[in-house]
Amino acid sequence: NIYHAKSDETCCKIGKMFGVEPHILVDSNRLKHPSLMASSKLEKDTQIELPIPDYRWILTKQIAKDKPEGKGKKKHNYTVQDIEAPHHKYEKIASHQIQDYPQLLNTYENMEVVCALYPSVEGDADGSNSAHWSTSFSSAIYLHAIVGSNPPRAMLKFENDMYTLEHKDPMLNRSVPHCVIIKRERASRRDEGGAASDKTELQMIDPGYPDMGKRTFMWNSMTDKW
């Protein structure tokens, strides 16, 4: 995808328009524009190459299934719609490029203890922006759903630095999308020595390391953390 810049536009501004981190935009165009910086003012019609979006981190739903192209082809492509920006639709997306969000089907009770990614920004963190999230799950209390939010969001009370939920720090009450909340479940099993072990394995895409695919998180009963 090629974008033709307007006079005095910068990679920072273009990045915000297309949801691309400025440094990624700069790196993608360094060969063509060696002196390019995120704050460089571009001349009119400068051609800026836009990197292919990582559809796994766009909260999408499938709206069409394309017929396989070519004789003997069995793999399908899909047309998906951005849940947070419904006017954005992406065609011919392979299934491995689309992240499933089964946790969106979960329901939660008010005051239920859950696990969630902690937002590293103030205000409403974006579920599809990996820079907005820490890289591990934290315990939290599901306070209440935010009525009328689309995509669905909830207000959570996160644990403090002492790893406890028994606190009254309002700064740890955060609005987050449901896609970063998971059920806090435990399963009793035995370890290699035969001793009873209270652990739950959970496989999730980690926003901090999306290129690694699904990573396994394990419940540590000693620290009560994933």
C-alpha atoms as a PDB file:
ATOM      1  CA  ASN A   1       0.000   0.000   0.000  1.00  0.00           C
ATOM      2  CA  ILE A   2       1.408   3.380  -1.018  1.00  0.00           C
ATOM      3  CA  TYR A   3       0.321   6.648   0.583  1.00  0.00           C
ATOM      4  CA  HIS A   4       0.975   9.959  -1.187  1.00  0.00           C
ATOM      5  CA  ALA A   5       1.853  12.479   1.499  1.00  0.00           C
ATOM      6  CA  LYS A   6       0.430  15.958   1.683  1.00  0.00           C
ATOM      7  CA  SER A   7       2.704  18.951   2.061  1.00  0.00           C
ATOM      8  CA  ASP A   8       4.459  19.090   5.485  1.00  0.00           C
ATOM      9  CA  GLU A   9       2.901  15.842   6.752  1.00  0.00           C
ATOM     10  CA  THR A  10       5.094  13.727   9.049  1.00  0.00           C
ATOM     11  CA  CYS A  11       5.370   9.999   9.692  1.00  0.00           C
ATOM     12  CA  CYS A  12       3.882  10.646  13.137  1.00  0.00           C
ATOM     13  CA  LYS A  13       0.721  12.069  11.591  1.00  0.00           C
ATOM     14  CA  ILE A  14       0.520   9.397   8.880  1.00  0.00           C
ATOM     15  CA  GLY A  15       1.075   6.678  11.478  1.00  0.00           C
ATOM     16  CA  LYS A  16      -1.864   7.930  13.543  1.00  0.00           C
ATOM     17  CA  MET A  17      -4.063   7.940  10.442  1.00  0.00           C
ATOM     18  CA  PHE A  18      -3.346   4.290   9.666  1.00  0.00           C
ATOM     19  CA  GLY A  19      -2.694   2.870  13.150  1.00  0.00           C
ATOM     20  CA  VAL A  20       1.026   2.288  12.530  1.00  0.00           C
ATOM     21  CA  GLU A  21       3.762   3.095  15.044  1.00  0.00           C
ATOM     22  CA  PRO A  22       5.895   5.975  13.591  1.00  0.00           C
ATOM     23  CA  HIS A  23       9.191   4.084  14.067  1.00  0.00           C
ATOM     24  CA  ILE A  24       7.799   1.132  12.098  1.00  0.00           C
ATOM     25  CA  LEU A  25       6.764   3.502   9.305  1.00  0.00           C
ATOM     26  CA  VAL A  26      10.235   5.058   9.251  1.00  0.00           C
ATOM     27  CA  ASP A  27      11.989   1.668   9.208  1.00  0.00           C
ATOM     28  CA  SER A  28       9.755   0.478   6.337  1.00  0.00           C
ATOM     29  CA  ASN A  29      10.771   3.470   4.199  1.00  0.00           C
ATOM     30  CA  ARG A  30      14.471   3.889   5.144  1.00  0.00           C
ATOM     31  CA  LEU A  31      15.811   2.350   1.941  1.00  0.00           C
ATOM     32  CA  LYS A  32      13.807   4.708  -0.237  1.00  0.00           C
ATOM     33  CA  HIS A  33      14.236   7.744   2.035  1.00  0.00           C
ATOM     34  CA  PRO A  34      17.570   7.320   3.950  1.00  0.00           C
ATOM     35  CA  SER A  35      17.276  10.585   5.917  1.00  0.00           C
ATOM     36  CA  LEU A  36      13.663   9.991   6.934  1.00  0.00           C
ATOM     37  CA  MET A  37      12.744  10.619  10.583  1.00  0.00           C
ATOM     38  CA  ALA A  38       9.402  10.412  12.399  1.00  0.00           C
ATOM     39  CA  SER A  39       9.256  14.220  12.612  1.00  0.00           C
ATOM     40  CA  SER A  40      10.493  14.912   9.054  1.00  0.00           C
ATOM     41  CA  LYS A  41       8.192  17.240   7.113  1.00  0.00           C
ATOM     42  CA  LEU A  42       7.437  15.596   3.778  1.00  0.00           C
ATOM     43  CA  GLU A  43       7.047  17.219   0.395  1.00  0.00           C
ATOM     44  CA  LYS A  44       3.744  16.907  -1.418  1.00  0.00           C
ATOM     45  CA  ASP A  45       3.204  13.493  -3.115  1.00  0.00           C
ATOM     46  CA  THR A  46       6.135  11.831  -1.310  1.00  0.00           C
ATOM     47  CA  GLN A  47       5.404   8.121  -1.574  1.00  0.00           C
ATOM     48  CA  ILE A  48       5.270   6.377   1.813  1.00  0.00           C
ATOM     49  CA  GLU A  49       4.919   2.612   1.882  1.00  0.00           C
ATOM     50  CA  LEU A  50       2.463   1.381   4.514  1.00  0.00           C
ATOM     51  CA  PRO A  51       3.328  -1.942   6.169  1.00  0.00           C
ATOM     52  CA  ILE A  52       0.778  -4.753   5.997  1.00  0.00           C
ATOM     53  CA  PRO A  53      -1.439  -4.567   9.120  1.00  0.00           C
ATOM     54  CA  ASP A  54      -1.179  -7.356  11.686  1.00  0.00           C
ATOM     55  CA  TYR A  55      -4.831  -8.367  11.569  1.00  0.00           C
ATOM     56  CA  ARG A  56      -4.373 -10.515  14.664  1.00  0.00           C
ATOM     57  CA  TRP A  57      -4.340  -7.326  16.725  1.00  0.00           C
ATOM     58  CA  ILE A  58      -7.364  -5.765  15.099  1.00  0.00           C
ATOM     59  CA  LEU A  59     -10.505  -6.807  16.951  1.00  0.00           C
ATOM     60  CA  THR A  60     -12.459  -8.259  14.025  1.00  0.00           C
ATOM     61  CA  LYS A  61     -15.407 -10.404  13.134  1.00  0.00           C
ATOM     62  CA  GLN A  62     -15.750 -12.500   9.991  1.00  0.00           C
ATOM     63  CA  ILE A  63     -18.456 -11.247   7.641  1.00  0.00           C
ATOM     64  CA  ALA A  64     -17.753 -13.354   4.537  1.00  0.00           C
ATOM     65  CA  LYS A  65     -15.926 -16.506   3.501  1.00  0.00           C
ATOM     66  CA  ASP A  66     -14.237 -16.305   0.109  1.00  0.00           C
ATOM     67  CA  LYS A  67     -14.137 -19.204  -2.302  1.00  0.00           C
ATOM     68  CA  PRO A  68     -10.688 -20.835  -2.709  1.00  0.00           C
ATOM     69  CA  GLU A  69      -8.787 -19.448  -5.676  1.00  0.00           C
ATOM     70  CA  GLY A  70      -7.244 -21.826  -8.174  1.00  0.00           C
ATOM     71  CA  LYS A  71      -7.875 -25.454  -9.013  1.00  0.00           C
ATOM     72  CA  GLY A  72      -7.492 -27.867  -6.118  1.00  0.00           C
ATOM     73  CA  LYS A  73      -7.150 -25.091  -3.558  1.00  0.00           C
ATOM     74  CA  LYS A  74      -8.848 -25.853  -0.250  1.00  0.00           C
ATOM     75  CA  LYS A  75      -7.749 -22.988   1.967  1.00  0.00           C
ATOM     76  CA  HIS A  76     -10.299 -20.208   2.350  1.00  0.00           C
ATOM     77  CA  ASN A  77      -9.710 -16.516   2.795  1.00  0.00           C
ATOM     78  CA  TYR A  78     -12.050 -14.280   4.729  1.00  0.00           C
ATOM     79  CA  THR A  79     -13.469 -10.785   4.678  1.00  0.00           C
ATOM     80  CA  VAL A  80     -13.371  -9.316   8.167  1.00  0.00           C
ATOM     81  CA  GLN A  81     -14.756  -6.160   9.728  1.00  0.00           C
ATOM     82  CA  ASP A  82     -13.063  -4.045  12.382  1.00  0.00           C
ATOM     83  CA  ILE A  83     -15.356  -4.165  15.437  1.00  0.00           C
ATOM     84  CA  GLU A  84     -14.034  -0.867  16.790  1.00  0.00           C
ATOM     85  CA  ALA A  85     -14.231   0.882  13.395  1.00  0.00           C
ATOM     86  CA  PRO A  86     -17.000  -0.927  11.409  1.00  0.00           C
ATOM     87  CA  HIS A  87     -16.346   1.136   8.264  1.00  0.00           C
ATOM     88  CA  HIS A  88     -12.961  -0.638   7.956  1.00  0.00           C
ATOM     89  CA  LYS A  89     -13.241  -3.948   6.117  1.00  0.00           C
ATOM     90  CA  TYR A  90     -10.367  -6.175   5.016  1.00  0.00           C
ATOM     91  CA  GLU A  91     -10.651  -8.695   2.204  1.00  0.00           C
ATOM     92  CA  LYS A  92      -8.766 -11.901   1.332  1.00  0.00           C
ATOM     93  CA  ILE A  93      -7.344 -12.427   4.825  1.00  0.00           C
ATOM     94  CA  ALA A  94      -5.929 -15.909   5.520  1.00  0.00           C
ATOM     95  CA  SER A  95      -7.260 -17.690   8.594  1.00  0.00           C
ATOM     96  CA  HIS A  96      -3.820 -17.742  10.304  1.00  0.00           C
ATOM     97  CA  GLN A  97      -3.783 -13.935  10.189  1.00  0.00           C
ATOM     98  CA  ILE A  98      -7.017 -13.651  12.153  1.00  0.00           C
ATOM     99  CA  GLN A  99      -6.894 -13.888  15.934  1.00  0.00           C
ATOM    100  CA  ASP A 100      -9.826 -15.570  17.663  1.00  0.00           C
ATOM    101  CA  TYR A 101     -11.087 -13.936  20.821  1.00  0.00           C
ATOM    102  CA  PRO A 102     -13.028 -16.705  22.612  1.00  0.00           C
ATOM    103  CA  GLN A 103     -12.924 -14.671  25.834  1.00  0.00           C
ATOM    104  CA  LEU A 104     -15.436 -12.266  24.275  1.00  0.00           C
ATOM    105  CA  LEU A 105     -18.082 -14.945  24.889  1.00  0.00           C
ATOM    106  CA  ASN A 106     -17.361 -15.044  28.624  1.00  0.00           C
ATOM    107  CA  THR A 107     -19.809 -13.476  31.045  1.00  0.00           C
ATOM    108  CA  TYR A 108     -18.772 -12.036  34.393  1.00  0.00           C
ATOM    109  CA  GLU A 109     -20.480 -11.246  37.659  1.00  0.00           C
ATOM    110  CA  ASN A 110     -19.929  -7.922  39.419  1.00  0.00           C
ATOM    111  CA  MET A 111     -17.151  -8.305  42.036  1.00  0.00           C
ATOM    112  CA  GLU A 112     -15.865 -11.509  40.383  1.00  0.00           C
ATOM    113  CA  VAL A 113     -12.095 -11.934  40.566  1.00  0.00           C
ATOM    114  CA  VAL A 114     -10.665 -12.199  37.042  1.00  0.00           C
ATOM    115  CA  CYS A 115      -7.317 -11.887  35.303  1.00  0.00           C
ATOM    116  CA  ALA A 116      -6.606  -9.163  32.785  1.00  0.00           C
ATOM    117  CA  LEU A 117      -3.822  -7.362  30.998  1.00  0.00           C
ATOM    118  CA  TYR A 118      -2.992  -4.128  32.812  1.00  0.00           C
ATOM    119  CA  PRO A 119      -3.242  -0.989  30.635  1.00  0.00           C
ATOM    120  CA  SER A 120       0.006   0.960  30.491  1.00  0.00           C
ATOM    121  CA  VAL A 121      -1.789   4.163  29.414  1.00  0.00           C
ATOM    122  CA  GLU A 122      -4.304   6.320  31.227  1.00  0.00           C
ATOM    123  CA  GLY A 123      -7.824   6.650  29.876  1.00  0.00           C
ATOM    124  CA  ASP A 124      -9.420   4.153  27.493  1.00  0.00           C
ATOM    125  CA  ALA A 125      -6.765   1.708  26.316  1.00  0.00           C
ATOM    126  CA  ASP A 126      -7.195   0.300  22.799  1.00  0.00           C
ATOM    127  CA  GLY A 127      -7.525  -3.493  22.657  1.00  0.00           C
ATOM    128  CA  SER A 128      -5.782  -3.676  19.275  1.00  0.00           C
ATOM    129  CA  ASN A 129      -2.751  -1.546  20.229  1.00  0.00           C
ATOM    130  CA  SER A 130      -0.022  -3.706  21.810  1.00  0.00           C
ATOM    131  CA  ALA A 131       1.741  -0.591  23.134  1.00  0.00           C
ATOM    132  CA  HIS A 132      -1.203   0.030  25.481  1.00  0.00           C
ATOM    133  CA  TRP A 133      -0.706  -3.142  27.530  1.00  0.00           C
ATOM    134  CA  SER A 134       1.712  -4.799  29.940  1.00  0.00           C
ATOM    135  CA  THR A 135       3.016  -8.218  28.962  1.00  0.00           C
ATOM    136  CA  SER A 136       1.536 -10.400  31.716  1.00  0.00           C
ATOM    137  CA  PHE A 137      -1.818 -10.960  33.371  1.00  0.00           C
ATOM    138  CA  SER A 138      -2.739  -9.393  36.709  1.00  0.00           C
ATOM    139  CA  SER A 139      -5.505 -10.170  39.151  1.00  0.00           C
ATOM    140  CA  ALA A 140      -8.426  -7.764  39.134  1.00  0.00           C
ATOM    141  CA  ILE A 141     -11.984  -7.391  40.405  1.00  0.00           C
ATOM    142  CA  TYR A 142     -14.702  -7.034  37.772  1.00  0.00           C
ATOM    143  CA  LEU A 143     -16.578  -4.006  39.115  1.00  0.00           C
ATOM    144  CA  HIS A 144     -19.201  -3.563  36.401  1.00  0.00           C
ATOM    145  CA  ALA A 145     -19.809  -3.566  32.658  1.00  0.00           C
ATOM    146  CA  ILE A 146     -19.738  -0.190  30.933  1.00  0.00           C
ATOM    147  CA  VAL A 147     -23.219   0.162  29.449  1.00  0.00           C
ATOM    148  CA  GLY A 148     -23.394   1.071  25.771  1.00  0.00           C
ATOM    149  CA  SER A 149     -19.701   0.534  25.057  1.00  0.00           C
ATOM    150  CA  ASN A 150     -18.811  -0.894  21.661  1.00  0.00           C
ATOM    151  CA  PRO A 151     -16.778  -3.055  21.685  1.00  0.00           C
ATOM    152  CA  PRO A 152     -17.798  -4.173  25.195  1.00  0.00           C
ATOM    153  CA  ARG A 153     -15.732  -2.671  28.003  1.00  0.00           C
ATOM    154  CA  ALA A 154     -15.717  -3.078  31.768  1.00  0.00           C
ATOM    155  CA  MET A 155     -14.373  -1.266  34.801  1.00  0.00           C
ATOM    156  CA  LEU A 156     -11.810  -3.348  36.677  1.00  0.00           C
ATOM    157  CA  LYS A 157     -10.020  -2.825  39.982  1.00  0.00           C
ATOM    158  CA  PHE A 158      -6.426  -4.064  39.618  1.00  0.00           C
ATOM    159  CA  GLU A 159      -4.165  -5.311  42.377  1.00  0.00           C
ATOM    160  CA  ASN A 160      -1.629  -2.915  43.887  1.00  0.00           C
ATOM    161  CA  ASP A 161       2.153  -3.263  44.312  1.00  0.00           C
ATOM    162  CA  MET A 162       1.579  -5.530  47.310  1.00  0.00           C
ATOM    163  CA  TYR A 163      -0.283  -7.992  45.049  1.00  0.00           C
ATOM    164  CA  THR A 164      -3.542  -7.465  46.893  1.00  0.00           C
ATOM    165  CA  LEU A 165      -7.023  -6.436  45.798  1.00  0.00           C
ATOM    166  CA  GLU A 166      -7.851  -5.221  49.310  1.00  0.00           C
ATOM    167  CA  HIS A 167      -7.071  -1.558  48.702  1.00  0.00           C
ATOM    168  CA  LYS A 168      -8.865   1.720  47.981  1.00  0.00           C
ATOM    169  CA  ASP A 169      -6.571   3.254  45.362  1.00  0.00           C
ATOM    170  CA  PRO A 170      -8.889   4.783  42.712  1.00  0.00           C
ATOM    171  CA  MET A 171      -5.966   5.057  40.262  1.00  0.00           C
ATOM    172  CA  LEU A 172      -6.069   1.263  39.870  1.00  0.00           C
ATOM    173  CA  ASN A 173      -9.664   1.306  38.628  1.00  0.00           C
ATOM    174  CA  ARG A 174      -9.330   1.072  34.849  1.00  0.00           C
ATOM    175  CA  SER A 175     -11.673   0.793  31.868  1.00  0.00           C
ATOM    176  CA  VAL A 176     -10.610  -2.101  29.611  1.00  0.00           C
ATOM    177  CA  PRO A 177     -12.152  -3.982  26.651  1.00  0.00           C
ATOM    178  CA  HIS A 178     -13.438  -7.495  27.283  1.00  0.00           C
ATOM    179  CA  CYS A 179     -10.863  -8.925  24.859  1.00  0.00           C
ATOM    180  CA  VAL A 180      -8.116  -8.532  27.500  1.00  0.00           C
ATOM    181  CA  ILE A 181     -10.114 -10.151  30.352  1.00  0.00           C
ATOM    182  CA  ILE A 182      -9.998 -13.876  31.060  1.00  0.00           C
ATOM    183  CA  LYS A 183     -11.641 -16.183  33.571  1.00  0.00           C
ATOM    184  CA  ARG A 184      -9.548 -16.911  36.635  1.00  0.00           C
ATOM    185  CA  GLU A 185      -9.887 -20.681  36.722  1.00  0.00           C
ATOM    186  CA  ARG A 186      -7.820 -23.294  38.486  1.00  0.00           C
ATOM    187  CA  ALA A 187      -7.509 -27.015  37.839  1.00  0.00           C
ATOM    188  CA  SER A 188      -6.099 -29.469  40.369  1.00  0.00           C
ATOM    189  CA  ARG A 189      -3.437 -31.734  38.902  1.00  0.00           C
ATOM    190  CA  ARG A 190      -0.326 -33.571  40.031  1.00  0.00           C
ATOM    191  CA  ASP A 191       3.243 -32.534  39.278  1.00  0.00           C
ATOM    192  CA  GLU A 192       6.071 -34.836  38.147  1.00  0.00           C
ATOM    193  CA  GLY A 193       6.703 -35.992  41.717  1.00  0.00           C
ATOM    194  CA  GLY A 194       3.058 -36.961  42.196  1.00  0.00           C
ATOM    195  CA  ALA A 195       2.312 -34.107  44.605  1.00  0.00           C
ATOM    196  CA  ALA A 196      -0.972 -32.236  44.244  1.00  0.00           C
ATOM    197  CA  SER A 197      -0.481 -29.006  42.338  1.00  0.00           C
ATOM    198  CA  ASP A 198      -3.009 -26.203  41.930  1.00  0.00           C
ATOM    199  CA  LYS A 199      -2.213 -24.766  38.496  1.00  0.00           C
ATOM    200  CA  THR A 200      -3.983 -23.683  35.348  1.00  0.00           C
ATOM    201  CA  GLU A 201      -2.301 -23.376  31.997  1.00  0.00           C
ATOM    202  CA  LEU A 202      -3.608 -20.697  29.690  1.00  0.00           C
ATOM    203  CA  GLN A 203      -2.519 -20.142  26.098  1.00  0.00           C
ATOM    204  CA  MET A 204      -2.889 -16.611  24.813  1.00  0.00           C
ATOM    205  CA  ILE A 205      -1.308 -14.270  22.285  1.00  0.00           C
ATOM    206  CA  ASP A 206       0.876 -11.931  24.337  1.00  0.00           C
ATOM    207  CA  PRO A 207       0.637  -8.323  23.017  1.00  0.00           C
ATOM    208  CA  GLY A 208       4.229  -7.734  24.049  1.00  0.00           C
ATOM    209  CA  TYR A 209       5.473 -10.572  21.839  1.00  0.00           C
ATOM    210  CA  PRO A 210       2.843 -11.130  19.110  1.00  0.00           C
ATOM    211  CA  ASP A 211       5.353 -12.685  16.691  1.00  0.00           C
ATOM    212  CA  MET A 212       5.842 -15.606  19.074  1.00  0.00           C
ATOM    213  CA  GLY A 213       2.240 -16.724  18.578  1.00  0.00           C
ATOM    214  CA  LYS A 214       0.415 -18.287  21.496  1.00  0.00           C
ATOM    215  CA  ARG A 215       2.363 -18.356  24.759  1.00  0.00           C
ATOM    216  CA  THR A 216       1.597 -20.480  27.791  1.00  0.00           C
ATOM    217  CA  PHE A 217       0.828 -18.738  31.084  1.00  0.00           C
ATOM    218  CA  MET A 218       0.718 -20.813  34.255  1.00  0.00           C
ATOM    219  CA  TRP A 219      -0.946 -20.022  37.562  1.00  0.00           C
ATOM    220  CA  ASN A 220       1.528 -19.725  40.431  1.00  0.00           C
ATOM    221  CA  SER A 221      -0.312 -20.492  43.661  1.00  0.00           C
ATOM    222  CA  MET A 222       2.596 -19.151  45.735  1.00  0.00           C
ATOM    223  CA  THR A 223       2.287 -15.626  44.345  1.00  0.00           C
ATOM    224  CA  ASP A 224      -1.326 -15.850  43.130  1.00  0.00           C
ATOM    225  CA  LYS A 225      -0.231 -14.510  39.753  1.00  0.00           C
ATOM    226  CA  TRP A 226      -0.176 -15.783  36.180  1.00  0.00           C
END
